[in-house]
């Protein structure tokens, strides 16, 4: 179930759904998604679906990972990228192969430790991990060329917009728990913030102020 043929079928599905960035598709094709899941679920790794990783968190659907990465990089290369919600480390690994440095924040330490091991296994050494409340970003390491959130707040945290560099882009799902959420892109310009609604999505909620040891 982890053969190259299986991975190629996933890429075909992503292409059919409108993912056009060849670099993003190639990185997803070459990244072993099965290592980001417990062994009992690894046979489902190349389905285009989200899967549980414990602590009421999920490994995002490949289409969403591809779409958010494509949107993040649409205006050119990014050097310093903040990821809110390391989770399993899969989205982190995709980003780490496409940008210069990734700064990733995770509030659940056991997930962070597993992600750290997987990133080391893949030889990805340009990732900086922090155990903290992701909604607050990582002010000491900003400003960032881009920010990607893997969790949905009900409203966009102002801290994330503040930590964007001018010319930077925030890709984030927004909406209430268990109801319709939407994927947004926010671009920071000299004049202010430009907002773009992308498509409906469903993400785990961004939980403010709760850190799990």
Protein backbone atom coordinates (compact mmCIF):
# COMPACT_ATOMS: atom_id res chain seq x y z
CA UNK A 1 0.00 0.00 0.00
CA UNK A 2 3.04 2.29 0.13
CA UNK A 3 4.29 1.51 -3.36
CA UNK A 4 5.18 4.18 -5.90
CA UNK A 5 2.15 3.14 -7.94
CA UNK A 6 -0.11 3.91 -4.95
CA UNK A 7 1.53 7.32 -4.52
CA UNK A 8 1.17 8.05 -8.22
CA UNK A 9 -2.55 7.34 -8.01
CA UNK A 10 -2.82 9.90 -5.22
CA UNK A 11 -1.06 12.49 -7.40
CA UNK A 12 -3.49 11.74 -10.22
CA UNK A 13 -6.41 12.40 -7.87
CA UNK A 14 -4.90 15.68 -6.68
CA UNK A 15 -4.36 16.78 -10.28
CA UNK A 16 -7.97 15.93 -11.12
CA UNK A 17 -9.07 18.11 -8.19
CA UNK A 18 -7.22 21.11 -9.58
CA UNK A 19 -3.75 21.07 -8.02
CA UNK A 20 -1.45 22.39 -10.74
CA UNK A 21 1.84 23.27 -9.02
CA UNK A 22 4.26 20.62 -10.28
CA UNK A 23 6.77 21.26 -7.49
CA UNK A 24 4.11 20.70 -4.83
CA UNK A 25 2.91 17.52 -6.54
CA UNK A 26 6.45 16.17 -6.82
CA UNK A 27 7.18 16.78 -3.14
CA UNK A 28 3.95 15.06 -2.11
CA UNK A 29 4.74 12.14 -4.44
CA UNK A 30 8.15 11.72 -2.85
CA UNK A 31 7.16 12.11 0.80
CA UNK A 32 6.29 8.87 2.64
CA UNK A 33 2.95 9.82 4.22
CA UNK A 34 2.65 6.41 5.89
CA UNK A 35 5.39 7.20 8.42
CA UNK A 36 3.21 10.01 9.84
CA UNK A 37 0.54 7.53 10.96
CA UNK A 38 0.37 4.77 13.52
CA UNK A 39 1.09 1.39 11.94
CA UNK A 40 -2.57 0.32 12.18
CA UNK A 41 -3.57 3.12 9.79
CA UNK A 42 -0.52 3.17 7.53
CA UNK A 43 -2.32 1.13 4.84
CA UNK A 44 -4.65 4.12 4.35
CA UNK A 45 -1.86 6.67 4.04
CA UNK A 46 -2.31 7.36 0.32
CA UNK A 47 -6.06 7.77 0.39
CA UNK A 48 -7.19 11.35 -0.18
CA UNK A 49 -8.70 11.61 3.29
CA UNK A 50 -7.91 12.99 6.73
CA UNK A 51 -6.94 10.40 9.35
CA UNK A 52 -6.75 10.43 13.17
CA UNK A 53 -3.40 10.89 14.92
CA UNK A 54 -4.63 10.93 18.53
CA UNK A 55 -5.48 13.75 20.96
CA UNK A 56 -8.57 14.54 18.83
CA UNK A 57 -6.26 15.75 16.05
CA UNK A 58 -6.02 14.64 12.43
CA UNK A 59 -3.55 14.22 9.62
CA UNK A 60 -4.93 16.58 6.98
CA UNK A 61 -6.35 15.32 3.70
CA UNK A 62 -3.63 15.35 0.98
CA UNK A 63 -5.74 17.66 -1.19
CA UNK A 64 -5.85 20.26 1.60
CA UNK A 65 -2.11 19.95 2.24
CA UNK A 66 -1.44 20.42 -1.48
CA UNK A 67 -3.94 23.28 -1.83
CA UNK A 68 -2.64 25.23 1.17
CA UNK A 69 0.97 24.74 0.13
CA UNK A 70 0.18 25.81 -3.42
CA UNK A 71 -1.58 28.94 -2.16
CA UNK A 72 1.27 29.73 0.24
CA UNK A 73 3.86 29.63 -2.55
CA UNK A 74 1.72 31.14 -5.33
CA UNK A 75 3.46 34.53 -5.25
CA UNK A 76 7.00 33.18 -5.36
CA UNK A 77 9.49 31.49 -3.02
CA UNK A 78 9.30 31.95 0.75
CA UNK A 79 12.30 31.94 3.09
CA UNK A 80 10.85 32.01 6.61
CA UNK A 81 7.54 30.21 7.14
CA UNK A 82 5.57 29.80 10.37
CA UNK A 83 3.33 26.75 10.71
CA UNK A 84 0.63 26.81 13.39
CA UNK A 85 -0.06 23.23 14.44
CA UNK A 86 2.76 20.77 13.75
CA UNK A 87 0.49 17.79 14.38
CA UNK A 88 1.96 14.65 12.84
CA UNK A 89 4.64 16.69 11.05
CA UNK A 90 3.43 15.82 7.55
CA UNK A 91 2.58 19.34 6.42
CA UNK A 92 5.80 20.46 8.12
CA UNK A 93 7.78 17.99 6.03
CA UNK A 94 6.16 19.19 2.81
CA UNK A 95 6.97 22.81 3.64
CA UNK A 96 10.53 22.00 4.73
CA UNK A 97 11.30 20.64 1.26
CA UNK A 98 10.01 23.80 -0.43
CA UNK A 99 11.13 26.75 1.72
CA UNK A 100 14.37 27.79 3.39
CA UNK A 101 13.29 27.55 7.04
CA UNK A 102 10.13 26.38 8.83
CA UNK A 103 9.17 27.48 12.33
CA UNK A 104 6.42 25.19 13.63
CA UNK A 105 4.39 25.57 16.83
CA UNK A 106 2.47 22.71 18.49
CA UNK A 107 0.54 22.78 21.78
CA UNK A 108 0.48 18.97 22.31
CA UNK A 109 3.96 17.79 23.28
CA UNK A 110 3.57 14.04 22.47
CA UNK A 111 2.57 14.93 18.90
CA UNK A 112 5.47 17.33 18.65
CA UNK A 113 7.97 14.70 19.81
CA UNK A 114 6.71 12.16 17.27
CA UNK A 115 6.91 14.81 14.55
CA UNK A 116 10.48 15.65 15.57
CA UNK A 117 11.51 12.00 15.18
CA UNK A 118 9.88 11.73 11.74
CA UNK A 119 11.51 14.91 10.47
CA UNK A 120 14.90 13.61 11.62
CA UNK A 121 14.17 10.29 9.90
CA UNK A 122 13.65 12.21 6.64
CA UNK A 123 16.81 14.27 7.15
CA UNK A 124 14.91 17.57 7.29
CA UNK A 125 17.05 19.82 9.48
CA UNK A 126 15.65 23.23 8.52
CA UNK A 127 12.68 22.98 10.89
CA UNK A 128 12.52 24.73 14.28
CA UNK A 129 9.89 23.34 16.68
CA UNK A 130 8.28 25.07 19.64
CA UNK A 131 5.85 23.72 22.26
CA UNK A 132 3.39 26.58 22.77
CA UNK A 133 -0.02 28.07 21.99
CA UNK A 134 0.03 28.37 18.21
CA UNK A 135 -2.53 31.15 18.03
CA UNK A 136 0.05 33.49 19.48
CA UNK A 137 2.49 32.63 16.70
CA UNK A 138 6.21 32.85 17.42
CA UNK A 139 6.95 36.54 17.80
CA UNK A 140 10.64 36.18 18.63
CA UNK A 141 11.31 34.48 15.27
CA UNK A 142 9.17 36.80 13.13
CA UNK A 143 8.45 38.51 10.92
CA UNK A 144 7.60 35.67 8.53
CA UNK A 145 7.32 35.60 4.75
CA UNK A 146 4.34 33.27 5.12
CA UNK A 147 2.20 31.63 7.79
CA UNK A 148 0.14 28.45 7.40
CA UNK A 149 -2.37 27.39 10.05
CA UNK A 150 -3.46 23.76 10.35
CA UNK A 151 -6.20 24.64 12.86
CA UNK A 152 -9.25 26.86 12.53
CA UNK A 153 -9.87 29.82 14.84
CA UNK A 154 -13.32 31.44 14.93
CA UNK A 155 -11.62 34.74 14.08
CA UNK A 156 -8.11 35.33 12.75
CA UNK A 157 -5.67 35.95 15.64
CA UNK A 158 -4.28 39.49 15.22
CA UNK A 159 -0.89 38.20 16.42
CA UNK A 160 -0.51 36.16 13.24
CA UNK A 161 -1.21 39.14 10.99
CA UNK A 162 1.20 41.25 13.03
CA UNK A 163 3.96 38.67 12.58
CA UNK A 164 3.65 38.72 8.77
CA UNK A 165 6.30 40.68 6.91
CA UNK A 166 5.14 43.17 4.30
CA UNK A 167 4.60 41.07 1.19
CA UNK A 168 3.83 38.07 3.39
CA UNK A 169 0.87 35.72 3.11
CA UNK A 170 -1.28 33.94 5.71
CA UNK A 171 -3.22 30.81 4.67
CA UNK A 172 -5.75 29.86 7.34
CA UNK A 173 -9.12 28.12 7.83
CA UNK A 174 -11.61 30.23 9.80
CA UNK A 175 -14.95 29.30 11.35
CA UNK A 176 -16.79 27.88 14.36
CA UNK A 177 -16.33 24.34 15.67
CA UNK A 178 -18.50 21.79 13.89
CA UNK A 179 -19.95 24.30 11.45
CA UNK A 180 -19.03 25.66 8.04
CA UNK A 181 -15.45 26.85 7.90
CA UNK A 182 -13.73 28.62 5.04
CA UNK A 183 -10.16 28.73 3.82
CA UNK A 184 -8.80 32.28 3.52
CA UNK A 185 -5.68 33.95 2.19
CA UNK A 186 -4.52 37.23 3.74
CA UNK A 187 -1.78 39.23 2.02
CA UNK A 188 0.05 41.99 3.91
CA UNK A 189 0.84 45.04 1.78
CA UNK A 190 2.18 48.50 2.52
CA UNK A 191 -1.44 49.70 2.53
CA UNK A 192 -2.80 46.99 4.85
CA UNK A 193 -4.34 43.51 4.68
CA UNK A 194 -5.97 42.06 1.56
CA UNK A 195 -8.39 39.18 2.14
CA UNK A 196 -9.37 36.40 -0.27
CA UNK A 197 -11.97 33.67 0.35
CA UNK A 198 -10.86 30.37 -1.23
CA UNK A 199 -13.21 27.46 -0.50
CA UNK A 200 -15.15 25.61 2.25
CA UNK A 201 -13.06 23.35 4.52
CA UNK A 202 -13.29 21.40 7.78
CA UNK A 203 -10.45 21.62 10.32
CA UNK A 204 -9.90 20.89 13.99
CA UNK A 205 -10.41 24.03 16.09
CA UNK A 206 -7.59 26.28 17.19
CA UNK A 207 -7.61 26.01 20.99
CA UNK A 208 -6.24 29.13 22.62
CA UNK A 209 -4.31 29.00 25.87
CA UNK A 210 -4.35 25.20 26.26
CA UNK A 211 -0.95 23.51 26.16
CA UNK A 212 -0.61 19.73 26.67
CA UNK A 213 2.61 18.44 28.26
